[in-house]
């Protein structure tokens, strides 16, 4: 059994995050000590690691809940997991396109700015338009 601090350390998460996941019933402790402290078993620590990794890929808490449910379901169909992953890839690609557009616009503005001692600046002018 792990106390919350040890479980958080094993999962490489802040204690506050582990507590939050318990409060929202995402990953709950397997039991409580007689003093009322949360205790986590190996299975719960593995779930915490699973959620941390899922969050690293940008999945929302609700998506993590769905993925965690599939993780625990031995009768799952891999197509369900793949569909969730493909949807996330699409969201990432959309965000990448947005970031590329912002990059290109800002690079153009920086290129057109003389960067000298004069007050005229196309970057400021663009932001204030």
C-alpha atoms as a PDB file:
ATOM      1  CA  UNK A   1       0.000   0.000   0.000  1.00  0.00           C
ATOM      2  CA  UNK A   2       1.073   3.532  -0.783  1.00  0.00           C
ATOM      3  CA  UNK A   3       0.069   6.618   1.132  1.00  0.00           C
ATOM      4  CA  UNK A   4      -0.925   9.533  -1.074  1.00  0.00           C
ATOM      5  CA  UNK A   5       2.584  11.018  -1.085  1.00  0.00           C
ATOM      6  CA  UNK A   6       4.206   7.743  -2.113  1.00  0.00           C
ATOM      7  CA  UNK A   7       1.517   7.093  -4.744  1.00  0.00           C
ATOM      8  CA  UNK A   8       2.025  10.580  -6.159  1.00  0.00           C
ATOM      9  CA  UNK A   9       5.784  10.072  -6.262  1.00  0.00           C
ATOM     10  CA  UNK A  10       5.453   6.662  -7.926  1.00  0.00           C
ATOM     11  CA  UNK A  11       3.119   8.136 -10.552  1.00  0.00           C
ATOM     12  CA  UNK A  12       5.243  11.280 -10.940  1.00  0.00           C
ATOM     13  CA  UNK A  13       2.310  13.517 -10.073  1.00  0.00           C
ATOM     14  CA  UNK A  14       1.831  16.268  -7.499  1.00  0.00           C
ATOM     15  CA  UNK A  15      -0.066  15.171  -4.387  1.00  0.00           C
ATOM     16  CA  UNK A  16      -2.627  17.878  -5.141  1.00  0.00           C
ATOM     17  CA  UNK A  17      -3.350  16.262  -8.518  1.00  0.00           C
ATOM     18  CA  UNK A  18      -3.747  12.792  -6.977  1.00  0.00           C
ATOM     19  CA  UNK A  19      -6.122  14.260  -4.410  1.00  0.00           C
ATOM     20  CA  UNK A  20      -8.079  16.000  -7.187  1.00  0.00           C
ATOM     21  CA  UNK A  21      -8.354  12.758  -9.189  1.00  0.00           C
ATOM     22  CA  UNK A  22      -9.736  11.056  -6.074  1.00  0.00           C
ATOM     23  CA  UNK A  23     -12.187  13.900  -5.423  1.00  0.00           C
ATOM     24  CA  UNK A  24     -13.614  13.645  -8.965  1.00  0.00           C
ATOM     25  CA  UNK A  25     -13.684   9.825  -8.797  1.00  0.00           C
ATOM     26  CA  UNK A  26     -11.190   9.408 -11.615  1.00  0.00           C
ATOM     27  CA  UNK A  27      -8.705   7.327  -9.607  1.00  0.00           C
ATOM     28  CA  UNK A  28      -9.881   6.615  -6.100  1.00  0.00           C
ATOM     29  CA  UNK A  29      -7.808   5.151  -3.279  1.00  0.00           C
ATOM     30  CA  UNK A  30      -8.271   1.448  -2.753  1.00  0.00           C
ATOM     31  CA  UNK A  31      -8.903   2.014   0.944  1.00  0.00           C
ATOM     32  CA  UNK A  32      -8.492   4.355   3.869  1.00  0.00           C
ATOM     33  CA  UNK A  33      -6.289   3.792   6.868  1.00  0.00           C
ATOM     34  CA  UNK A  34      -7.839   3.682  10.326  1.00  0.00           C
ATOM     35  CA  UNK A  35      -6.759   7.297  10.668  1.00  0.00           C
ATOM     36  CA  UNK A  36      -8.668   8.125   7.464  1.00  0.00           C
ATOM     37  CA  UNK A  37      -5.654   8.577   5.177  1.00  0.00           C
ATOM     38  CA  UNK A  38      -5.977   7.616   1.530  1.00  0.00           C
ATOM     39  CA  UNK A  39      -4.118   4.466   0.577  1.00  0.00           C
ATOM     40  CA  UNK A  40      -3.356   3.324  -2.925  1.00  0.00           C
ATOM     41  CA  UNK A  41      -2.512  -0.131  -4.173  1.00  0.00           C
ATOM     42  CA  UNK A  42      -0.414  -1.076  -7.205  1.00  0.00           C
ATOM     43  CA  UNK A  43      -3.497  -1.074  -9.451  1.00  0.00           C
ATOM     44  CA  UNK A  44      -4.382   2.505  -8.475  1.00  0.00           C
ATOM     45  CA  UNK A  45      -0.805   3.683  -8.996  1.00  0.00           C
ATOM     46  CA  UNK A  46      -0.864   2.127 -12.483  1.00  0.00           C
ATOM     47  CA  UNK A  47      -4.110   3.999 -13.163  1.00  0.00           C
ATOM     48  CA  UNK A  48      -2.515   7.247 -11.974  1.00  0.00           C
ATOM     49  CA  UNK A  49       0.409   6.657 -14.345  1.00  0.00           C
ATOM     50  CA  UNK A  50      -2.057   5.880 -17.145  1.00  0.00           C
ATOM     51  CA  UNK A  51      -3.931   9.126 -16.519  1.00  0.00           C
ATOM     52  CA  UNK A  52      -0.688  11.139 -16.307  1.00  0.00           C
ATOM     53  CA  UNK A  53       0.442   9.742 -19.649  1.00  0.00           C
ATOM     54  CA  UNK A  54      -2.981  10.381 -21.194  1.00  0.00           C
ATOM     55  CA  UNK A  55      -2.944  13.972 -19.942  1.00  0.00           C
ATOM     56  CA  UNK A  56       0.559  14.385 -21.420  1.00  0.00           C
ATOM     57  CA  UNK A  57      -1.005  13.710 -24.818  1.00  0.00           C
ATOM     58  CA  UNK A  58      -3.565  16.419 -24.120  1.00  0.00           C
ATOM     59  CA  UNK A  59      -6.588  14.298 -23.363  1.00  0.00           C
ATOM     60  CA  UNK A  60      -9.196  16.011 -21.210  1.00  0.00           C
ATOM     61  CA  UNK A  61     -10.221  14.609 -17.837  1.00  0.00           C
ATOM     62  CA  UNK A  62     -13.429  13.260 -19.394  1.00  0.00           C
ATOM     63  CA  UNK A  63     -11.462  11.634 -22.210  1.00  0.00           C
ATOM     64  CA  UNK A  64      -9.091  10.163 -19.606  1.00  0.00           C
ATOM     65  CA  UNK A  65     -12.098   8.782 -17.781  1.00  0.00           C
ATOM     66  CA  UNK A  66     -13.247   7.113 -20.996  1.00  0.00           C
ATOM     67  CA  UNK A  67      -9.753   5.790 -21.782  1.00  0.00           C
ATOM     68  CA  UNK A  68      -9.361   4.535 -18.225  1.00  0.00           C
ATOM     69  CA  UNK A  69     -12.677   2.722 -18.551  1.00  0.00           C
ATOM     70  CA  UNK A  70     -11.421   1.063 -21.736  1.00  0.00           C
ATOM     71  CA  UNK A  71      -8.088   0.261 -20.058  1.00  0.00           C
ATOM     72  CA  UNK A  72      -9.949  -1.623 -17.350  1.00  0.00           C
ATOM     73  CA  UNK A  73     -12.311  -3.377 -19.786  1.00  0.00           C
ATOM     74  CA  UNK A  74     -10.701  -6.629 -20.950  1.00  0.00           C
ATOM     75  CA  UNK A  75     -13.524  -7.015 -23.513  1.00  0.00           C
ATOM     76  CA  UNK A  76     -12.841  -3.640 -25.145  1.00  0.00           C
ATOM     77  CA  UNK A  77     -12.454  -3.327 -28.871  1.00  0.00           C
ATOM     78  CA  UNK A  78      -9.253  -1.637 -29.942  1.00  0.00           C
ATOM     79  CA  UNK A  79     -11.226   0.323 -32.539  1.00  0.00           C
ATOM     80  CA  UNK A  80     -12.776   2.333 -29.684  1.00  0.00           C
ATOM     81  CA  UNK A  81      -9.352   3.326 -28.397  1.00  0.00           C
ATOM     82  CA  UNK A  82      -8.087   4.074 -31.897  1.00  0.00           C
ATOM     83  CA  UNK A  83     -11.075   6.331 -32.610  1.00  0.00           C
ATOM     84  CA  UNK A  84     -10.347   8.389 -29.502  1.00  0.00           C
ATOM     85  CA  UNK A  85      -6.675   8.635 -30.482  1.00  0.00           C
ATOM     86  CA  UNK A  86      -7.511   9.653 -34.065  1.00  0.00           C
ATOM     87  CA  UNK A  87      -9.847  12.358 -32.793  1.00  0.00           C
ATOM     88  CA  UNK A  88      -7.063  13.705 -30.576  1.00  0.00           C
ATOM     89  CA  UNK A  89      -4.623  13.631 -33.512  1.00  0.00           C
ATOM     90  CA  UNK A  90      -7.100  15.700 -35.524  1.00  0.00           C
ATOM     91  CA  UNK A  91      -7.329  18.241 -32.674  1.00  0.00           C
ATOM     92  CA  UNK A  92      -3.521  18.399 -32.440  1.00  0.00           C
ATOM     93  CA  UNK A  93      -3.208  18.944 -36.196  1.00  0.00           C
ATOM     94  CA  UNK A  94      -5.779  21.745 -36.030  1.00  0.00           C
ATOM     95  CA  UNK A  95      -3.863  23.392 -33.182  1.00  0.00           C
ATOM     96  CA  UNK A  96      -0.594  22.986 -35.093  1.00  0.00           C
ATOM     97  CA  UNK A  97      -2.129  24.751 -38.110  1.00  0.00           C
ATOM     98  CA  UNK A  98      -3.323  27.598 -35.858  1.00  0.00           C
ATOM     99  CA  UNK A  99       0.129  27.912 -34.309  1.00  0.00           C
ATOM    100  CA  UNK A 100       1.794  27.874 -37.734  1.00  0.00           C
ATOM    101  CA  UNK A 101      -0.469  30.713 -38.876  1.00  0.00           C
ATOM    102  CA  UNK A 102       0.375  32.726 -35.746  1.00  0.00           C
ATOM    103  CA  UNK A 103       4.064  32.002 -36.259  1.00  0.00           C
ATOM    104  CA  UNK A 104       3.974  33.113 -39.877  1.00  0.00           C
ATOM    105  CA  UNK A 105       2.076  36.314 -39.100  1.00  0.00           C
ATOM    106  CA  UNK A 106       4.350  37.259 -36.221  1.00  0.00           C
ATOM    107  CA  UNK A 107       7.486  36.384 -38.231  1.00  0.00           C
ATOM    108  CA  UNK A 108       6.269  38.644 -41.023  1.00  0.00           C
ATOM    109  CA  UNK A 109       5.597  41.485 -38.585  1.00  0.00           C
ATOM    110  CA  UNK A 110       9.017  41.052 -36.968  1.00  0.00           C
ATOM    111  CA  UNK A 111      10.631  41.031 -40.410  1.00  0.00           C
ATOM    112  CA  UNK A 112       8.924  44.273 -41.415  1.00  0.00           C
ATOM    113  CA  UNK A 113       9.820  46.033 -38.162  1.00  0.00           C
ATOM    114  CA  UNK A 114      13.034  48.011 -38.504  1.00  0.00           C
ATOM    115  CA  UNK A 115      13.904  47.539 -34.853  1.00  0.00           C
ATOM    116  CA  UNK A 116      15.622  50.904 -34.704  1.00  0.00           C
ATOM    117  CA  UNK A 117      15.266  53.964 -32.496  1.00  0.00           C
ATOM    118  CA  UNK A 118      12.193  55.244 -34.326  1.00  0.00           C
ATOM    119  CA  UNK A 119       8.755  54.823 -32.710  1.00  0.00           C
ATOM    120  CA  UNK A 120       7.098  53.498 -35.891  1.00  0.00           C
ATOM    121  CA  UNK A 121       6.538  49.750 -35.389  1.00  0.00           C
ATOM    122  CA  UNK A 122       4.366  47.495 -37.564  1.00  0.00           C
ATOM    123  CA  UNK A 123       4.046  44.991 -34.724  1.00  0.00           C
ATOM    124  CA  UNK A 124       2.430  47.547 -32.389  1.00  0.00           C
ATOM    125  CA  UNK A 125       0.387  48.930 -35.280  1.00  0.00           C
ATOM    126  CA  UNK A 126      -0.936  45.454 -36.110  1.00  0.00           C
ATOM    127  CA  UNK A 127      -1.783  44.632 -32.489  1.00  0.00           C
ATOM    128  CA  UNK A 128      -3.684  47.908 -32.060  1.00  0.00           C
ATOM    129  CA  UNK A 129      -5.691  47.584 -35.294  1.00  0.00           C
END
